[in-house]
């Protein structure tokens, strides 16, 4: 099923609910997830892989595997190449039980994000600024992989950006894509504050140690 068909026949949430129900018990791999969704539905895969970052859930291996997968999707889009993923990323096992639980919890947030989108808004941004949007997608993927996972919202903000980029691409909604770019800016500002705050804390600790 193509991404345009998804928007015509069922909502993104309904489509993803169906995908989550087909995840096999025990363990699942990224290769299996892509097989279930369909390797040509890259934006739908992006939304699925980004969902788990919307809620505070600890699933070993997910950040590395899903983050790498999203980044490789962005690179393939930028160079218009067929998606390639190393076997070690595709075949790394992930707990199905924890993944399904996290995905079902994140669907609540996706419903809210999906309601924001409407096809046809700022059409030039959706159709004429493809290079800018692809670069924004890759930037969001890189921000998602920044090792700040222990900090609240450090994964959530770029994940929301990726979802906005994907929804905007599927529905040709330039405003959703604009929200994606704005979330990238918000993430960079947030990371800048974290780094500045961390630097200030270290300086103060050193000053106190020297003073003591």
N, C-alpha and C. Protein backbone atom coordinates (compact mmCIF):
# COMPACT_ATOMS: atom_id res chain seq x y z
N UNK A 1 0.84 -1.20 0.00
CA UNK A 1 0.00 0.00 0.00
C UNK A 1 0.87 1.24 0.00
N UNK A 2 0.61 2.19 -0.86
CA UNK A 2 1.40 3.41 -0.91
C UNK A 2 0.99 4.35 0.20
N UNK A 3 1.84 5.36 0.46
CA UNK A 3 1.56 6.30 1.53
C UNK A 3 0.33 7.14 1.22
N UNK A 4 0.10 7.45 -0.08
CA UNK A 4 -1.09 8.22 -0.43
C UNK A 4 -2.34 7.41 -0.18
N UNK A 5 -2.24 6.10 -0.41
CA UNK A 5 -3.39 5.24 -0.15
C UNK A 5 -3.71 5.18 1.33
N UNK A 6 -2.65 5.24 2.16
CA UNK A 6 -2.86 5.23 3.61
C UNK A 6 -3.71 6.41 4.02
N UNK A 7 -3.40 7.59 3.48
CA UNK A 7 -4.12 8.79 3.88
C UNK A 7 -5.55 8.76 3.40
N UNK A 8 -5.81 8.06 2.29
CA UNK A 8 -7.16 8.03 1.73
C UNK A 8 -8.04 7.00 2.44
N UNK A 9 -7.48 5.86 2.84
CA UNK A 9 -8.29 4.77 3.33
C UNK A 9 -8.36 4.71 4.85
N UNK A 10 -7.32 5.04 5.53
CA UNK A 10 -7.32 4.98 6.98
C UNK A 10 -6.31 5.97 7.53
N UNK A 11 -6.54 6.40 8.76
CA UNK A 11 -5.64 7.38 9.36
C UNK A 11 -4.31 6.72 9.68
N UNK A 12 -3.31 7.55 9.92
CA UNK A 12 -2.00 7.02 10.28
C UNK A 12 -2.06 6.21 11.57
N UNK A 13 -2.83 6.70 12.54
CA UNK A 13 -2.96 5.98 13.81
C UNK A 13 -3.57 4.61 13.58
N UNK A 14 -4.62 4.54 12.78
CA UNK A 14 -5.27 3.25 12.49
C UNK A 14 -4.31 2.30 11.78
N UNK A 15 -3.54 2.84 10.83
CA UNK A 15 -2.56 2.02 10.12
C UNK A 15 -1.51 1.49 11.09
N UNK A 16 -1.01 2.34 11.97
CA UNK A 16 0.03 1.93 12.90
C UNK A 16 -0.51 0.96 13.96
N UNK A 17 -1.76 1.14 14.36
CA UNK A 17 -2.38 0.20 15.29
C UNK A 17 -2.39 -1.20 14.67
N UNK A 18 -2.71 -1.27 13.39
CA UNK A 18 -2.70 -2.56 12.70
C UNK A 18 -1.31 -3.16 12.63
N UNK A 19 -0.30 -2.32 12.39
CA UNK A 19 1.07 -2.80 12.33
C UNK A 19 1.52 -3.33 13.68
N UNK A 20 1.20 -2.59 14.75
CA UNK A 20 1.60 -3.01 16.10
C UNK A 20 0.99 -4.37 16.45
N UNK A 21 -0.23 -4.61 16.01
CA UNK A 21 -0.90 -5.88 16.31
C UNK A 21 -0.24 -7.06 15.61
N UNK A 22 0.49 -6.80 14.52
CA UNK A 22 1.12 -7.90 13.77
C UNK A 22 2.55 -8.19 14.23
N UNK A 23 3.05 -7.42 15.20
CA UNK A 23 4.41 -7.68 15.71
C UNK A 23 4.43 -9.03 16.40
N UNK A 24 5.33 -9.92 16.02
CA UNK A 24 5.36 -11.27 16.60
C UNK A 24 5.78 -11.24 18.06
N UNK A 25 5.35 -12.23 18.84
CA UNK A 25 5.73 -12.29 20.27
C UNK A 25 7.21 -12.63 20.43
N UNK A 26 7.71 -12.38 21.61
CA UNK A 26 9.10 -12.71 21.90
C UNK A 26 10.03 -11.57 21.55
N UNK A 27 10.58 -11.64 20.35
CA UNK A 27 11.49 -10.61 19.88
C UNK A 27 11.17 -10.24 18.43
N UNK A 28 11.53 -9.02 18.08
CA UNK A 28 11.33 -8.56 16.71
C UNK A 28 12.58 -7.80 16.27
N UNK A 29 12.83 -7.78 14.99
CA UNK A 29 13.98 -7.06 14.45
C UNK A 29 13.50 -5.92 13.56
N UNK A 30 14.40 -5.00 13.27
CA UNK A 30 14.07 -3.89 12.38
C UNK A 30 13.73 -4.43 11.00
N UNK A 31 14.43 -5.47 10.57
CA UNK A 31 14.13 -6.07 9.26
C UNK A 31 12.69 -6.57 9.21
N UNK A 32 12.24 -7.19 10.29
CA UNK A 32 10.86 -7.71 10.35
C UNK A 32 9.86 -6.55 10.35
N UNK A 33 10.15 -5.50 11.10
CA UNK A 33 9.27 -4.34 11.14
C UNK A 33 9.12 -3.73 9.75
N UNK A 34 10.24 -3.59 9.04
CA UNK A 34 10.21 -3.03 7.69
C UNK A 34 9.46 -3.95 6.73
N UNK A 35 9.58 -5.24 6.95
CA UNK A 35 8.84 -6.20 6.13
C UNK A 35 7.34 -6.07 6.36
N UNK A 36 6.94 -5.85 7.61
CA UNK A 36 5.52 -5.70 7.93
C UNK A 36 4.96 -4.41 7.33
N UNK A 37 5.71 -3.32 7.46
CA UNK A 37 5.22 -2.02 6.99
C UNK A 37 5.31 -1.91 5.48
N UNK A 38 6.40 -2.44 4.92
CA UNK A 38 6.65 -2.27 3.49
C UNK A 38 7.81 -1.32 3.30
N UNK A 39 8.89 -1.79 2.70
CA UNK A 39 10.12 -1.00 2.61
C UNK A 39 9.96 0.28 1.81
N UNK A 40 8.89 0.37 0.98
CA UNK A 40 8.71 1.57 0.16
C UNK A 40 8.00 2.68 0.94
N UNK A 41 7.44 2.37 2.08
CA UNK A 41 6.71 3.37 2.88
C UNK A 41 7.65 3.99 3.91
N UNK A 42 8.65 4.72 3.42
CA UNK A 42 9.70 5.20 4.30
C UNK A 42 9.19 6.18 5.34
N UNK A 43 8.22 7.02 4.98
CA UNK A 43 7.71 7.99 5.95
C UNK A 43 6.88 7.29 7.03
N UNK A 44 6.18 6.25 6.66
CA UNK A 44 5.42 5.48 7.65
C UNK A 44 6.38 4.75 8.59
N UNK A 45 7.46 4.22 8.03
CA UNK A 45 8.49 3.59 8.86
C UNK A 45 9.09 4.61 9.83
N UNK A 46 9.32 5.83 9.32
CA UNK A 46 9.86 6.90 10.16
C UNK A 46 8.96 7.18 11.35
N UNK A 47 7.66 7.30 11.11
CA UNK A 47 6.72 7.56 12.20
C UNK A 47 6.75 6.43 13.21
N UNK A 48 6.74 5.20 12.72
CA UNK A 48 6.74 4.03 13.60
C UNK A 48 8.00 4.03 14.47
N UNK A 49 9.16 4.25 13.86
CA UNK A 49 10.42 4.19 14.61
C UNK A 49 10.56 5.36 15.58
N UNK A 50 9.89 6.48 15.27
CA UNK A 50 9.98 7.66 16.14
C UNK A 50 9.05 7.58 17.34
N UNK A 51 8.00 6.77 17.23
CA UNK A 51 6.99 6.71 18.29
C UNK A 51 7.58 6.39 19.65
N UNK A 52 8.51 5.44 19.67
CA UNK A 52 9.01 4.96 20.96
C UNK A 52 9.75 6.04 21.73
N UNK A 53 10.18 7.11 21.04
CA UNK A 53 10.92 8.19 21.70
C UNK A 53 9.98 9.24 22.31
N UNK A 54 8.68 9.08 22.11
CA UNK A 54 7.73 10.06 22.63
C UNK A 54 7.41 9.85 24.10
N UNK A 55 7.72 8.68 24.62
CA UNK A 55 7.41 8.39 26.02
C UNK A 55 8.66 7.83 26.70
N UNK A 56 8.77 8.01 28.03
CA UNK A 56 9.95 7.51 28.75
C UNK A 56 9.87 6.01 28.96
N UNK A 57 10.39 5.25 28.00
CA UNK A 57 10.37 3.80 28.11
C UNK A 57 11.77 3.28 27.83
N UNK A 58 12.22 2.33 28.63
CA UNK A 58 13.57 1.79 28.49
C UNK A 58 13.51 0.43 27.80
N UNK A 59 13.95 0.42 26.54
CA UNK A 59 14.00 -0.83 25.78
C UNK A 59 15.43 -0.98 25.26
N UNK A 60 16.21 -1.94 25.77
CA UNK A 60 17.61 -2.09 25.36
C UNK A 60 17.77 -2.18 23.85
N UNK A 61 18.67 -1.36 23.32
CA UNK A 61 18.99 -1.43 21.89
C UNK A 61 18.14 -0.58 20.99
N UNK A 62 17.00 -0.09 21.48
CA UNK A 62 16.07 0.62 20.61
C UNK A 62 16.66 1.94 20.10
N UNK A 63 17.25 2.72 20.98
CA UNK A 63 17.78 4.02 20.58
C UNK A 63 18.79 3.89 19.46
N UNK A 64 19.72 2.95 19.61
CA UNK A 64 20.75 2.76 18.59
C UNK A 64 20.17 2.24 17.29
N UNK A 65 19.35 1.20 17.36
CA UNK A 65 18.80 0.57 16.17
C UNK A 65 17.84 1.49 15.44
N UNK A 66 16.86 2.03 16.16
CA UNK A 66 15.86 2.88 15.52
C UNK A 66 16.47 4.21 15.07
N UNK A 67 17.35 4.77 15.90
CA UNK A 67 18.01 6.02 15.51
C UNK A 67 18.84 5.85 14.25
N UNK A 68 19.61 4.77 14.19
CA UNK A 68 20.42 4.49 13.00
C UNK A 68 19.54 4.26 11.79
N UNK A 69 18.44 3.53 11.98
CA UNK A 69 17.51 3.27 10.89
C UNK A 69 16.93 4.55 10.32
N UNK A 70 16.53 5.46 11.19
CA UNK A 70 15.96 6.74 10.75
C UNK A 70 17.01 7.55 9.99
N UNK A 71 18.24 7.59 10.50
CA UNK A 71 19.30 8.34 9.84
C UNK A 71 19.58 7.77 8.45
N UNK A 72 19.62 6.46 8.31
CA UNK A 72 19.88 5.84 7.01
C UNK A 72 18.73 6.10 6.03
N UNK A 73 17.50 6.17 6.54
CA UNK A 73 16.36 6.54 5.69
C UNK A 73 16.58 7.96 5.15
N UNK A 74 17.00 8.88 6.04
CA UNK A 74 17.24 10.25 5.62
C UNK A 74 18.32 10.35 4.55
N UNK A 75 19.41 9.58 4.73
CA UNK A 75 20.50 9.60 3.75
C UNK A 75 20.02 9.05 2.41
N UNK A 76 19.22 7.98 2.44
CA UNK A 76 18.71 7.40 1.19
C UNK A 76 17.78 8.38 0.49
N UNK A 77 16.99 9.14 1.25
CA UNK A 77 16.11 10.14 0.66
C UNK A 77 16.92 11.27 0.03
N UNK A 78 17.97 11.70 0.73
CA UNK A 78 18.78 12.82 0.25
C UNK A 78 19.45 12.50 -1.08
N UNK A 79 19.96 11.29 -1.21
CA UNK A 79 20.68 10.91 -2.43
C UNK A 79 19.82 10.09 -3.39
N UNK A 80 18.53 9.97 -3.06
CA UNK A 80 17.58 9.24 -3.93
C UNK A 80 18.08 7.82 -4.23
N UNK A 81 18.64 7.21 -3.22
CA UNK A 81 19.14 5.84 -3.37
C UNK A 81 18.20 4.85 -2.70
N UNK A 82 18.35 3.59 -3.07
CA UNK A 82 17.61 2.54 -2.39
C UNK A 82 18.10 2.43 -0.96
N UNK A 83 17.17 2.23 -0.03
CA UNK A 83 17.53 2.16 1.38
C UNK A 83 18.46 0.99 1.64
N UNK A 84 19.58 1.27 2.30
CA UNK A 84 20.52 0.23 2.70
C UNK A 84 20.73 0.30 4.20
N UNK A 85 20.69 -0.85 4.85
CA UNK A 85 20.97 -0.94 6.28
C UNK A 85 21.88 -2.12 6.56
N UNK A 86 22.94 -1.90 7.34
CA UNK A 86 23.82 -3.02 7.71
C UNK A 86 23.03 -4.13 8.41
N UNK A 87 23.48 -5.34 8.21
CA UNK A 87 22.78 -6.49 8.76
C UNK A 87 22.72 -6.44 10.28
N UNK A 88 23.78 -5.91 10.91
CA UNK A 88 23.81 -5.87 12.38
C UNK A 88 22.72 -4.95 12.94
N UNK A 89 22.32 -3.94 12.17
CA UNK A 89 21.23 -3.06 12.58
C UNK A 89 19.89 -3.74 12.30
N UNK A 90 19.78 -4.35 11.14
CA UNK A 90 18.51 -4.99 10.76
C UNK A 90 18.16 -6.17 11.66
N UNK A 91 19.15 -6.92 12.09
CA UNK A 91 18.89 -8.19 12.76
C UNK A 91 19.02 -8.14 14.28
N UNK A 92 19.27 -6.97 14.86
CA UNK A 92 19.40 -6.91 16.32
C UNK A 92 18.03 -7.13 16.97
N UNK A 93 17.89 -8.11 17.86
CA UNK A 93 16.59 -8.42 18.46
C UNK A 93 16.16 -7.38 19.49
N UNK A 94 14.87 -7.09 19.49
CA UNK A 94 14.26 -6.14 20.42
C UNK A 94 13.06 -6.82 21.07
N UNK A 95 12.87 -6.59 22.35
CA UNK A 95 11.75 -7.20 23.07
C UNK A 95 10.42 -6.74 22.49
N UNK A 96 9.64 -7.68 21.99
CA UNK A 96 8.34 -7.34 21.40
C UNK A 96 7.38 -6.80 22.45
N UNK A 97 7.38 -7.41 23.63
CA UNK A 97 6.46 -7.00 24.68
C UNK A 97 6.67 -5.55 25.08
N UNK A 98 7.94 -5.18 25.32
CA UNK A 98 8.25 -3.80 25.71
C UNK A 98 7.99 -2.83 24.57
N UNK A 99 8.31 -3.26 23.35
CA UNK A 99 8.10 -2.39 22.19
C UNK A 99 6.62 -2.11 21.97
N UNK A 100 5.80 -3.14 22.02
CA UNK A 100 4.36 -2.97 21.81
C UNK A 100 3.76 -2.08 22.90
N UNK A 101 4.18 -2.31 24.13
CA UNK A 101 3.69 -1.49 25.24
C UNK A 101 4.05 -0.02 25.04
N UNK A 102 5.30 0.23 24.64
CA UNK A 102 5.73 1.60 24.40
C UNK A 102 5.01 2.24 23.23
N UNK A 103 4.83 1.47 22.16
CA UNK A 103 4.16 1.99 20.96
C UNK A 103 2.70 2.33 21.25
N UNK A 104 2.01 1.47 21.95
CA UNK A 104 0.61 1.74 22.27
C UNK A 104 0.46 2.99 23.12
N UNK A 105 1.40 3.20 24.04
CA UNK A 105 1.37 4.41 24.86
C UNK A 105 1.63 5.65 24.03
N UNK A 106 2.52 5.54 23.04
CA UNK A 106 2.88 6.70 22.21
C UNK A 106 1.80 7.07 21.21
N UNK A 107 0.90 6.13 20.88
CA UNK A 107 -0.15 6.43 19.91
C UNK A 107 -1.05 7.58 20.38
N UNK A 108 -1.18 7.73 21.68
CA UNK A 108 -1.97 8.86 22.22
C UNK A 108 -1.40 10.18 21.75
N UNK A 109 -0.09 10.28 21.77
CA UNK A 109 0.57 11.52 21.33
C UNK A 109 0.47 11.68 19.82
N UNK A 110 0.57 10.56 19.09
CA UNK A 110 0.47 10.64 17.64
C UNK A 110 -0.91 11.12 17.21
N UNK A 111 -1.95 10.70 17.92
CA UNK A 111 -3.30 11.17 17.60
C UNK A 111 -3.37 12.69 17.67
N UNK A 112 -2.72 13.25 18.68
CA UNK A 112 -2.73 14.71 18.83
C UNK A 112 -1.95 15.39 17.72
N UNK A 113 -0.80 14.82 17.36
CA UNK A 113 0.01 15.40 16.30
C UNK A 113 -0.68 15.29 14.95
N UNK A 114 -1.36 14.16 14.73
CA UNK A 114 -2.04 13.95 13.45
C UNK A 114 -3.19 14.94 13.26
N UNK A 115 -3.85 15.30 14.36
CA UNK A 115 -4.97 16.23 14.27
C UNK A 115 -4.51 17.63 13.83
N UNK A 116 -3.25 17.94 14.09
CA UNK A 116 -2.72 19.25 13.72
C UNK A 116 -2.58 19.36 12.20
N UNK A 117 -2.36 18.23 11.54
CA UNK A 117 -2.05 18.24 10.11
C UNK A 117 -3.30 18.30 9.24
N UNK A 118 -3.21 19.08 8.17
CA UNK A 118 -4.24 19.15 7.14
C UNK A 118 -3.56 19.28 5.78
N UNK A 119 -3.97 18.48 4.80
CA UNK A 119 -3.32 18.52 3.49
C UNK A 119 -3.46 19.89 2.82
N UNK A 120 -2.43 20.26 2.05
CA UNK A 120 -2.53 21.42 1.18
C UNK A 120 -2.10 22.75 1.78
N UNK A 121 -1.65 22.78 3.01
CA UNK A 121 -1.23 24.05 3.62
C UNK A 121 0.23 24.33 3.25
N UNK A 122 0.54 25.58 2.96
CA UNK A 122 1.87 26.00 2.51
C UNK A 122 2.41 24.97 1.50
N UNK A 123 1.72 24.78 0.39
CA UNK A 123 2.08 23.69 -0.54
C UNK A 123 3.50 23.78 -1.08
N UNK A 124 4.03 25.01 -1.26
CA UNK A 124 5.37 25.13 -1.83
C UNK A 124 6.44 24.51 -0.93
N UNK A 125 6.21 24.57 0.40
CA UNK A 125 7.19 23.99 1.32
C UNK A 125 7.19 22.47 1.23
N UNK A 126 6.03 21.90 0.92
CA UNK A 126 5.92 20.45 0.81
C UNK A 126 6.43 19.92 -0.53
N UNK A 127 6.37 20.75 -1.57
CA UNK A 127 6.69 20.26 -2.92
C UNK A 127 7.91 20.92 -3.56
N UNK A 128 8.24 22.14 -3.16
CA UNK A 128 9.32 22.87 -3.83
C UNK A 128 10.60 22.98 -2.99
N UNK A 129 10.55 22.57 -1.75
CA UNK A 129 11.71 22.71 -0.87
C UNK A 129 12.19 21.33 -0.40
N UNK A 130 12.24 20.38 -1.33
CA UNK A 130 12.57 19.01 -0.96
C UNK A 130 13.97 18.88 -0.35
N UNK A 131 14.96 19.57 -0.92
CA UNK A 131 16.31 19.47 -0.39
C UNK A 131 16.38 19.98 1.04
N UNK A 132 15.76 21.13 1.28
CA UNK A 132 15.73 21.70 2.64
C UNK A 132 15.06 20.74 3.61
N UNK A 133 13.96 20.13 3.18
CA UNK A 133 13.22 19.22 4.06
C UNK A 133 13.99 17.94 4.34
N UNK A 134 14.71 17.44 3.32
CA UNK A 134 15.51 16.24 3.52
C UNK A 134 16.67 16.51 4.49
N UNK A 135 17.27 17.69 4.36
CA UNK A 135 18.34 18.06 5.27
C UNK A 135 17.80 18.25 6.70
N UNK A 136 16.59 18.82 6.80
CA UNK A 136 15.96 18.97 8.11
C UNK A 136 15.67 17.62 8.74
N UNK A 137 15.25 16.66 7.92
CA UNK A 137 15.00 15.29 8.38
C UNK A 137 16.28 14.68 8.93
N UNK A 138 17.38 14.80 8.18
CA UNK A 138 18.66 14.23 8.61
C UNK A 138 19.14 14.91 9.89
N UNK A 139 18.96 16.23 9.98
CA UNK A 139 19.35 16.95 11.20
C UNK A 139 18.58 16.41 12.40
N UNK A 140 17.28 16.20 12.24
CA UNK A 140 16.46 15.65 13.33
C UNK A 140 16.95 14.27 13.73
N UNK A 141 17.32 13.45 12.74
CA UNK A 141 17.83 12.11 13.04
C UNK A 141 19.14 12.18 13.82
N UNK A 142 20.02 13.11 13.43
CA UNK A 142 21.29 13.27 14.13
C UNK A 142 21.06 13.77 15.56
N UNK A 143 20.13 14.71 15.73
CA UNK A 143 19.81 15.22 17.06
C UNK A 143 19.22 14.11 17.93
N UNK A 144 18.46 13.21 17.30
CA UNK A 144 17.88 12.09 18.04
C UNK A 144 18.97 11.18 18.61
N UNK A 145 20.10 11.11 17.91
CA UNK A 145 21.17 10.20 18.31
C UNK A 145 22.19 10.84 19.25
N UNK A 146 22.03 12.13 19.54
CA UNK A 146 22.92 12.79 20.50
C UNK A 146 22.80 12.08 21.86
N UNK A 147 23.90 11.75 22.49
CA UNK A 147 23.85 10.94 23.74
C UNK A 147 23.38 11.72 24.96
N UNK A 148 22.16 12.27 24.86
CA UNK A 148 21.55 12.94 26.01
C UNK A 148 20.30 12.17 26.48
N UNK A 149 20.27 10.85 26.18
CA UNK A 149 19.07 10.08 26.45
C UNK A 149 18.61 10.12 27.89
N UNK A 150 19.53 10.37 28.82
CA UNK A 150 19.19 10.42 30.24
C UNK A 150 18.51 11.74 30.61
N UNK A 151 18.50 12.72 29.71
CA UNK A 151 17.91 14.03 29.98
C UNK A 151 16.48 14.06 29.45
N UNK A 152 15.50 14.50 30.25
CA UNK A 152 14.11 14.54 29.78
C UNK A 152 13.96 15.36 28.50
N UNK A 153 13.16 14.84 27.58
CA UNK A 153 12.80 15.48 26.30
C UNK A 153 13.92 15.53 25.28
N UNK A 154 15.13 15.05 25.60
CA UNK A 154 16.22 15.13 24.65
C UNK A 154 15.96 14.27 23.41
N UNK A 155 15.27 13.14 23.58
CA UNK A 155 14.87 12.31 22.44
C UNK A 155 13.50 12.71 21.91
N UNK A 156 12.65 13.20 22.80
CA UNK A 156 11.27 13.51 22.42
C UNK A 156 11.19 14.62 21.38
N UNK A 157 11.95 15.69 21.58
CA UNK A 157 11.86 16.85 20.68
C UNK A 157 12.24 16.49 19.24
N UNK A 158 13.40 15.85 18.99
CA UNK A 158 13.72 15.48 17.60
C UNK A 158 12.77 14.42 17.04
N UNK A 159 12.24 13.55 17.91
CA UNK A 159 11.28 12.55 17.43
C UNK A 159 10.00 13.23 16.93
N UNK A 160 9.55 14.26 17.64
CA UNK A 160 8.38 15.02 17.20
C UNK A 160 8.68 15.70 15.87
N UNK A 161 9.89 16.24 15.72
CA UNK A 161 10.29 16.85 14.45
C UNK A 161 10.20 15.84 13.32
N UNK A 162 10.71 14.64 13.53
CA UNK A 162 10.67 13.60 12.50
C UNK A 162 9.25 13.22 12.14
N UNK A 163 8.39 13.13 13.15
CA UNK A 163 6.99 12.78 12.88
C UNK A 163 6.31 13.88 12.07
N UNK A 164 6.58 15.14 12.40
CA UNK A 164 6.03 16.24 11.62
C UNK A 164 6.53 16.21 10.18
N UNK A 165 7.82 15.94 9.99
CA UNK A 165 8.35 15.83 8.62
C UNK A 165 7.65 14.72 7.86
N UNK A 166 7.47 13.58 8.52
CA UNK A 166 6.85 12.42 7.85
C UNK A 166 5.38 12.67 7.54
N UNK A 167 4.63 13.19 8.51
CA UNK A 167 3.22 13.49 8.28
C UNK A 167 3.07 14.53 7.18
N UNK A 168 3.92 15.57 7.22
CA UNK A 168 3.86 16.60 6.20
C UNK A 168 4.15 16.07 4.82
N UNK A 169 5.11 15.14 4.73
CA UNK A 169 5.44 14.53 3.45
C UNK A 169 4.31 13.67 2.92
N UNK A 170 3.71 12.87 3.80
CA UNK A 170 2.62 11.99 3.39
C UNK A 170 1.41 12.79 2.94
N UNK A 171 1.06 13.82 3.71
CA UNK A 171 -0.16 14.58 3.44
C UNK A 171 0.09 15.85 2.61
N UNK A 172 1.35 16.05 2.20
CA UNK A 172 1.70 17.26 1.45
C UNK A 172 1.25 18.51 2.20
N UNK A 173 1.56 18.50 3.50
CA UNK A 173 1.19 19.60 4.40
C UNK A 173 2.44 20.38 4.77
N UNK A 174 2.64 21.53 4.12
CA UNK A 174 3.82 22.33 4.37
C UNK A 174 3.89 22.87 5.78
N UNK A 175 2.73 23.10 6.42
CA UNK A 175 2.74 23.63 7.78
C UNK A 175 3.29 22.59 8.76
N UNK A 176 2.95 21.32 8.56
CA UNK A 176 3.51 20.26 9.41
C UNK A 176 5.02 20.19 9.22
N UNK A 177 5.47 20.33 7.98
CA UNK A 177 6.90 20.32 7.70
C UNK A 177 7.58 21.51 8.38
N UNK A 178 6.91 22.67 8.35
CA UNK A 178 7.45 23.85 9.04
C UNK A 178 7.58 23.58 10.53
N UNK A 179 6.58 22.93 11.11
CA UNK A 179 6.66 22.55 12.52
C UNK A 179 7.87 21.65 12.77
N UNK A 180 8.17 20.77 11.81
CA UNK A 180 9.35 19.91 11.93
C UNK A 180 10.63 20.72 12.02
N UNK A 181 10.76 21.72 11.13
CA UNK A 181 11.94 22.58 11.17
C UNK A 181 12.01 23.36 12.49
N UNK A 182 10.87 23.85 12.95
CA UNK A 182 10.84 24.61 14.20
C UNK A 182 11.21 23.73 15.39
N UNK A 183 10.79 22.47 15.36
CA UNK A 183 11.17 21.55 16.45
C UNK A 183 12.67 21.28 16.43
N UNK A 184 13.28 21.27 15.24
CA UNK A 184 14.74 21.15 15.17
C UNK A 184 15.41 22.33 15.85
N UNK A 185 14.91 23.53 15.56
CA UNK A 185 15.46 24.74 16.20
C UNK A 185 15.29 24.66 17.71
N UNK A 186 14.10 24.24 18.16
CA UNK A 186 13.84 24.13 19.59
C UNK A 186 14.78 23.11 20.25
N UNK A 187 15.05 22.02 19.52
CA UNK A 187 15.96 20.99 20.06
C UNK A 187 17.38 21.53 20.20
N UNK A 188 17.84 22.27 19.19
CA UNK A 188 19.19 22.84 19.23
C UNK A 188 19.30 23.83 20.40
N UNK A 189 18.28 24.66 20.57
CA UNK A 189 18.28 25.61 21.69
C UNK A 189 18.30 24.85 23.02
N UNK A 190 17.50 23.82 23.12
CA UNK A 190 17.43 23.02 24.36
C UNK A 190 18.78 22.38 24.65
N UNK A 191 19.41 21.80 23.63
CA UNK A 191 20.72 21.19 23.83
C UNK A 191 21.76 22.24 24.21
N UNK A 192 21.65 23.42 23.58
CA UNK A 192 22.57 24.51 23.92
C UNK A 192 22.45 24.91 25.38
N UNK A 193 21.22 24.98 25.88
CA UNK A 193 21.00 25.31 27.28
C UNK A 193 21.58 24.23 28.18
N UNK A 194 21.38 22.96 27.79
CA UNK A 194 21.92 21.86 28.59
C UNK A 194 23.44 21.92 28.66
N UNK A 195 24.06 22.16 27.51
CA UNK A 195 25.52 22.21 27.46
C UNK A 195 26.05 23.40 28.26
N UNK A 196 25.40 24.55 28.08
CA UNK A 196 25.82 25.75 28.82
C UNK A 196 25.64 25.55 30.32
N UNK A 197 24.49 24.96 30.69
CA UNK A 197 24.23 24.70 32.11
C UNK A 197 25.22 23.72 32.69
N UNK A 198 25.54 22.67 31.90
CA UNK A 198 26.52 21.69 32.36
C UNK A 198 27.90 22.30 32.52
N UNK A 199 28.27 23.16 31.56
CA UNK A 199 29.57 23.83 31.64
C UNK A 199 29.65 24.74 32.85
N UNK A 200 28.57 25.48 33.09
CA UNK A 200 28.55 26.38 34.25
C UNK A 200 28.67 25.60 35.55
N UNK A 201 27.97 24.45 35.60
CA UNK A 201 28.02 23.62 36.81
C UNK A 201 29.42 23.10 37.08
N UNK A 202 30.10 22.66 36.01
CA UNK A 202 31.47 22.16 36.16
C UNK A 202 32.40 23.27 36.65
N UNK A 203 32.27 24.45 36.05
CA UNK A 203 33.11 25.59 36.45
C UNK A 203 32.89 25.92 37.92
N UNK A 204 31.63 25.95 38.35
CA UNK A 204 31.32 26.26 39.75
C UNK A 204 31.87 25.21 40.70
N UNK A 205 31.76 23.92 40.29
CA UNK A 205 32.30 22.86 41.14
C UNK A 205 33.81 22.97 41.27
N UNK A 206 34.47 23.26 40.16
CA UNK A 206 35.93 23.43 40.21
C UNK A 206 36.31 24.62 41.09
N UNK A 207 35.53 25.71 40.98
CA UNK A 207 35.81 26.90 41.80
C UNK A 207 35.66 26.57 43.27
N UNK A 208 34.58 25.82 43.60
CA UNK A 208 34.37 25.46 44.99
C UNK A 208 35.46 24.53 45.52
N UNK A 209 35.90 23.59 44.66
CA UNK A 209 36.96 22.68 45.07
C UNK A 209 38.27 23.41 45.31
N UNK A 210 38.55 24.36 44.44
CA UNK A 210 39.79 25.14 44.60
C UNK A 210 39.73 26.03 45.83
N UNK A 211 38.50 26.56 46.05
CA UNK A 211 38.33 27.42 47.21
C UNK A 211 38.39 26.65 48.52
N UNK A 212 37.98 25.35 48.44
CA UNK A 212 38.00 24.53 49.64
C UNK A 212 39.40 24.02 49.93
